[in-house]
């Protein structure tokens, strides 16, 4: 169940390929008041690759505790001064 603003797809030529239209709604789903179409274009279009990109971004922002790329040592968390080498 997506935690996104869905779209009703009314009069949208892109709705069949847009995740905001095709995703299954959650029980408490938010929707755009009107589809955000202007001049036949949508700045909020969420195409086929969007879910994959979204999952990759979530992984980057919330890395797994076992992720070896994450450095949680005190030195890594301390801001570095321009004067320190």
N, C-alpha and C. Protein backbone atom coordinates (compact mmCIF):
# COMPACT_ATOMS: atom_id res chain seq x y z
N UNK A 1 0.84 -1.17 0.00
CA UNK A 1 0.00 0.00 0.00
C UNK A 1 0.88 1.24 0.00
N UNK A 2 0.71 2.06 -0.97
CA UNK A 2 1.62 3.19 -1.14
C UNK A 2 1.37 4.33 -0.15
N UNK A 3 2.46 4.93 0.26
CA UNK A 3 2.38 6.12 1.10
C UNK A 3 2.69 7.32 0.21
N UNK A 4 1.79 7.52 -0.77
CA UNK A 4 1.97 8.59 -1.75
C UNK A 4 0.63 9.29 -1.95
N UNK A 5 0.66 10.43 -2.60
CA UNK A 5 -0.58 11.07 -3.03
C UNK A 5 -0.97 10.43 -4.35
N UNK A 6 -2.13 9.78 -4.36
CA UNK A 6 -2.62 9.13 -5.57
C UNK A 6 -3.36 10.12 -6.43
N UNK A 7 -3.65 9.69 -7.64
CA UNK A 7 -4.36 10.53 -8.61
C UNK A 7 -5.58 9.76 -9.11
N UNK A 8 -6.69 10.46 -9.27
CA UNK A 8 -7.91 9.82 -9.79
C UNK A 8 -7.78 9.52 -11.28
N UNK A 9 -6.89 10.20 -11.97
CA UNK A 9 -6.65 9.95 -13.38
C UNK A 9 -7.72 10.48 -14.32
N UNK A 10 -8.65 11.28 -13.81
CA UNK A 10 -9.73 11.81 -14.65
C UNK A 10 -9.15 12.66 -15.78
N UNK A 11 -9.50 12.30 -17.00
CA UNK A 11 -9.05 13.00 -18.21
C UNK A 11 -7.53 13.05 -18.36
N UNK A 12 -6.84 12.10 -17.77
CA UNK A 12 -5.37 12.07 -17.89
C UNK A 12 -4.96 11.08 -18.96
N UNK A 13 -4.21 11.53 -19.96
CA UNK A 13 -3.78 10.62 -21.02
C UNK A 13 -2.65 9.68 -20.58
N UNK A 14 -2.05 9.93 -19.42
CA UNK A 14 -0.90 9.15 -18.95
C UNK A 14 -1.25 8.17 -17.83
N UNK A 15 -2.51 8.13 -17.42
CA UNK A 15 -2.88 7.40 -16.20
C UNK A 15 -2.55 5.91 -16.22
N UNK A 16 -2.68 5.24 -17.35
CA UNK A 16 -2.46 3.80 -17.38
C UNK A 16 -1.00 3.41 -17.11
N UNK A 17 -0.07 4.33 -17.30
CA UNK A 17 1.34 4.05 -17.04
C UNK A 17 1.85 4.74 -15.79
N UNK A 18 0.94 5.32 -15.00
CA UNK A 18 1.36 6.11 -13.84
C UNK A 18 1.05 5.37 -12.54
N UNK A 19 2.06 5.23 -11.71
CA UNK A 19 1.93 4.54 -10.43
C UNK A 19 0.93 5.25 -9.51
N UNK A 20 0.84 6.55 -9.61
CA UNK A 20 -0.11 7.29 -8.76
C UNK A 20 -1.56 6.91 -9.08
N UNK A 21 -1.81 6.41 -10.27
CA UNK A 21 -3.15 5.97 -10.66
C UNK A 21 -3.32 4.46 -10.48
N UNK A 22 -2.32 3.68 -10.85
CA UNK A 22 -2.46 2.22 -10.89
C UNK A 22 -2.21 1.52 -9.55
N UNK A 23 -1.54 2.17 -8.61
CA UNK A 23 -1.24 1.52 -7.33
C UNK A 23 -2.50 1.28 -6.51
N UNK A 24 -2.45 0.25 -5.69
CA UNK A 24 -3.58 -0.08 -4.82
C UNK A 24 -3.62 0.94 -3.68
N UNK A 25 -4.77 1.55 -3.43
CA UNK A 25 -4.85 2.55 -2.36
C UNK A 25 -4.81 1.93 -0.97
N UNK A 26 -4.31 2.67 -0.02
CA UNK A 26 -4.33 2.22 1.38
C UNK A 26 -5.69 2.59 1.97
N UNK A 27 -5.93 2.18 3.20
CA UNK A 27 -7.21 2.48 3.85
C UNK A 27 -7.43 3.97 4.04
N UNK A 28 -6.37 4.69 4.30
CA UNK A 28 -6.45 6.14 4.51
C UNK A 28 -5.59 6.82 3.45
N UNK A 29 -6.07 6.81 2.23
CA UNK A 29 -5.28 7.27 1.09
C UNK A 29 -5.55 8.73 0.78
N UNK A 30 -4.48 9.48 0.51
CA UNK A 30 -4.63 10.87 0.06
C UNK A 30 -4.62 10.90 -1.47
N UNK A 31 -5.39 11.84 -2.02
CA UNK A 31 -5.51 12.02 -3.46
C UNK A 31 -5.34 13.49 -3.80
N UNK A 32 -4.86 13.76 -5.01
CA UNK A 32 -4.87 15.12 -5.52
C UNK A 32 -6.33 15.56 -5.61
N UNK A 33 -6.61 16.83 -5.32
CA UNK A 33 -7.97 17.35 -5.45
C UNK A 33 -8.41 17.27 -6.92
N UNK A 34 -7.55 17.65 -7.83
CA UNK A 34 -7.77 17.52 -9.27
C UNK A 34 -6.48 16.99 -9.87
N UNK A 35 -6.56 16.19 -10.90
CA UNK A 35 -5.33 15.69 -11.53
C UNK A 35 -4.43 16.87 -11.94
N UNK A 36 -3.15 16.79 -11.65
CA UNK A 36 -2.23 17.91 -11.91
C UNK A 36 -1.75 18.00 -13.35
N UNK A 37 -2.67 17.97 -14.29
CA UNK A 37 -2.34 18.03 -15.72
C UNK A 37 -2.41 19.48 -16.19
N UNK A 38 -1.34 19.93 -16.82
CA UNK A 38 -1.31 21.27 -17.43
C UNK A 38 -0.70 21.14 -18.81
N UNK A 39 -1.43 21.59 -19.81
CA UNK A 39 -0.97 21.53 -21.20
C UNK A 39 -0.59 20.09 -21.61
N UNK A 40 -1.34 19.12 -21.11
CA UNK A 40 -1.10 17.73 -21.47
C UNK A 40 0.09 17.08 -20.78
N UNK A 41 0.70 17.78 -19.82
CA UNK A 41 1.86 17.26 -19.10
C UNK A 41 1.57 17.21 -17.60
N UNK A 42 2.26 16.33 -16.92
CA UNK A 42 2.07 16.18 -15.48
C UNK A 42 3.44 16.18 -14.79
N UNK A 43 3.64 17.13 -13.91
CA UNK A 43 4.90 17.20 -13.15
C UNK A 43 4.98 16.12 -12.08
N UNK A 44 3.87 15.44 -11.81
CA UNK A 44 3.83 14.42 -10.76
C UNK A 44 3.72 13.00 -11.33
N UNK A 45 3.95 12.86 -12.63
CA UNK A 45 3.89 11.54 -13.27
C UNK A 45 4.89 10.59 -12.62
N UNK A 46 4.43 9.38 -12.34
CA UNK A 46 5.26 8.38 -11.69
C UNK A 46 5.26 7.15 -12.58
N UNK A 47 6.24 7.08 -13.48
CA UNK A 47 6.30 6.02 -14.50
C UNK A 47 6.70 4.66 -13.97
N UNK A 48 6.90 3.72 -14.89
CA UNK A 48 7.17 2.32 -14.56
C UNK A 48 8.39 2.12 -13.68
N UNK A 49 9.44 2.87 -13.90
CA UNK A 49 10.67 2.71 -13.13
C UNK A 49 10.63 3.40 -11.77
N UNK A 50 9.59 4.15 -11.52
CA UNK A 50 9.54 4.97 -10.31
C UNK A 50 9.59 4.16 -9.02
N UNK A 51 8.90 3.03 -8.97
CA UNK A 51 8.92 2.24 -7.74
C UNK A 51 10.32 1.73 -7.45
N UNK A 52 11.02 1.30 -8.47
CA UNK A 52 12.39 0.84 -8.30
C UNK A 52 13.28 1.97 -7.79
N UNK A 53 13.12 3.14 -8.38
CA UNK A 53 13.91 4.30 -7.94
C UNK A 53 13.56 4.66 -6.51
N UNK A 54 12.27 4.64 -6.18
CA UNK A 54 11.81 4.96 -4.83
C UNK A 54 12.43 3.99 -3.82
N UNK A 55 12.45 2.71 -4.13
CA UNK A 55 13.03 1.71 -3.23
C UNK A 55 14.54 1.94 -3.06
N UNK A 56 15.22 2.30 -4.13
CA UNK A 56 16.65 2.58 -4.04
C UNK A 56 16.91 3.80 -3.16
N UNK A 57 16.10 4.84 -3.32
CA UNK A 57 16.27 6.03 -2.48
C UNK A 57 15.99 5.72 -1.02
N UNK A 58 14.97 4.94 -0.75
CA UNK A 58 14.68 4.55 0.63
C UNK A 58 15.84 3.77 1.23
N UNK A 59 16.46 2.91 0.43
CA UNK A 59 17.61 2.15 0.92
C UNK A 59 18.78 3.07 1.26
N UNK A 60 18.98 4.09 0.46
CA UNK A 60 20.06 5.04 0.71
C UNK A 60 19.78 5.86 1.96
N UNK A 61 18.53 6.30 2.10
CA UNK A 61 18.17 7.15 3.23
C UNK A 61 18.02 6.38 4.53
N UNK A 62 17.63 5.13 4.45
CA UNK A 62 17.43 4.29 5.64
C UNK A 62 18.20 2.99 5.46
N UNK A 63 19.52 3.04 5.51
CA UNK A 63 20.30 1.83 5.25
C UNK A 63 20.06 0.76 6.32
N UNK A 64 20.18 -0.46 5.91
CA UNK A 64 20.06 -1.61 6.79
C UNK A 64 21.19 -1.57 7.82
N UNK A 65 20.92 -2.01 9.05
CA UNK A 65 21.95 -2.02 10.09
C UNK A 65 23.16 -2.87 9.71
N UNK A 66 22.96 -3.83 8.83
CA UNK A 66 24.05 -4.70 8.39
C UNK A 66 24.78 -4.15 7.17
N UNK A 67 24.38 -2.99 6.70
CA UNK A 67 24.98 -2.39 5.51
C UNK A 67 26.41 -1.96 5.81
N UNK A 68 27.37 -2.52 5.11
CA UNK A 68 28.78 -2.24 5.38
C UNK A 68 29.19 -0.83 4.95
N UNK A 69 28.38 -0.18 4.10
CA UNK A 69 28.72 1.17 3.65
C UNK A 69 28.45 2.22 4.72
N UNK A 70 27.69 1.85 5.73
CA UNK A 70 27.30 2.80 6.77
C UNK A 70 28.38 2.86 7.83
N UNK A 71 28.90 4.04 8.09
CA UNK A 71 29.94 4.22 9.09
C UNK A 71 29.35 5.01 10.25
N UNK A 72 29.22 4.35 11.42
CA UNK A 72 28.59 5.01 12.56
C UNK A 72 29.57 5.34 13.67
N UNK A 73 30.86 5.27 13.36
CA UNK A 73 31.84 5.60 14.40
C UNK A 73 31.73 7.07 14.78
N UNK A 74 32.24 7.41 15.95
CA UNK A 74 32.17 8.80 16.42
C UNK A 74 32.85 9.75 15.44
N UNK A 75 33.96 9.32 14.85
CA UNK A 75 34.68 10.18 13.91
C UNK A 75 33.84 10.45 12.67
N UNK A 76 33.06 9.49 12.24
CA UNK A 76 32.24 9.67 11.04
C UNK A 76 31.09 10.63 11.30
N UNK A 77 30.61 10.67 12.55
CA UNK A 77 29.48 11.55 12.87
C UNK A 77 29.91 12.96 13.21
N UNK A 78 31.17 13.15 13.58
CA UNK A 78 31.67 14.46 13.99
C UNK A 78 31.92 15.33 12.76
N UNK A 79 31.39 16.55 12.74
CA UNK A 79 31.67 17.44 11.60
C UNK A 79 33.16 17.74 11.53
N UNK A 80 33.66 17.78 10.33
CA UNK A 80 35.09 18.03 10.13
C UNK A 80 35.32 19.51 9.95
N UNK A 81 36.34 20.00 10.57
CA UNK A 81 36.73 21.38 10.42
C UNK A 81 37.60 21.50 9.17
N UNK A 82 37.57 22.66 8.54
CA UNK A 82 38.43 22.85 7.37
C UNK A 82 39.89 22.86 7.77
N UNK A 83 40.16 23.10 9.05
CA UNK A 83 41.54 23.19 9.51
C UNK A 83 42.12 21.84 9.91
N UNK A 84 41.26 20.83 10.08
CA UNK A 84 41.75 19.50 10.42
C UNK A 84 42.11 18.76 9.16
N UNK A 85 43.17 17.97 9.22
CA UNK A 85 43.58 17.18 8.06
C UNK A 85 43.28 15.74 8.28
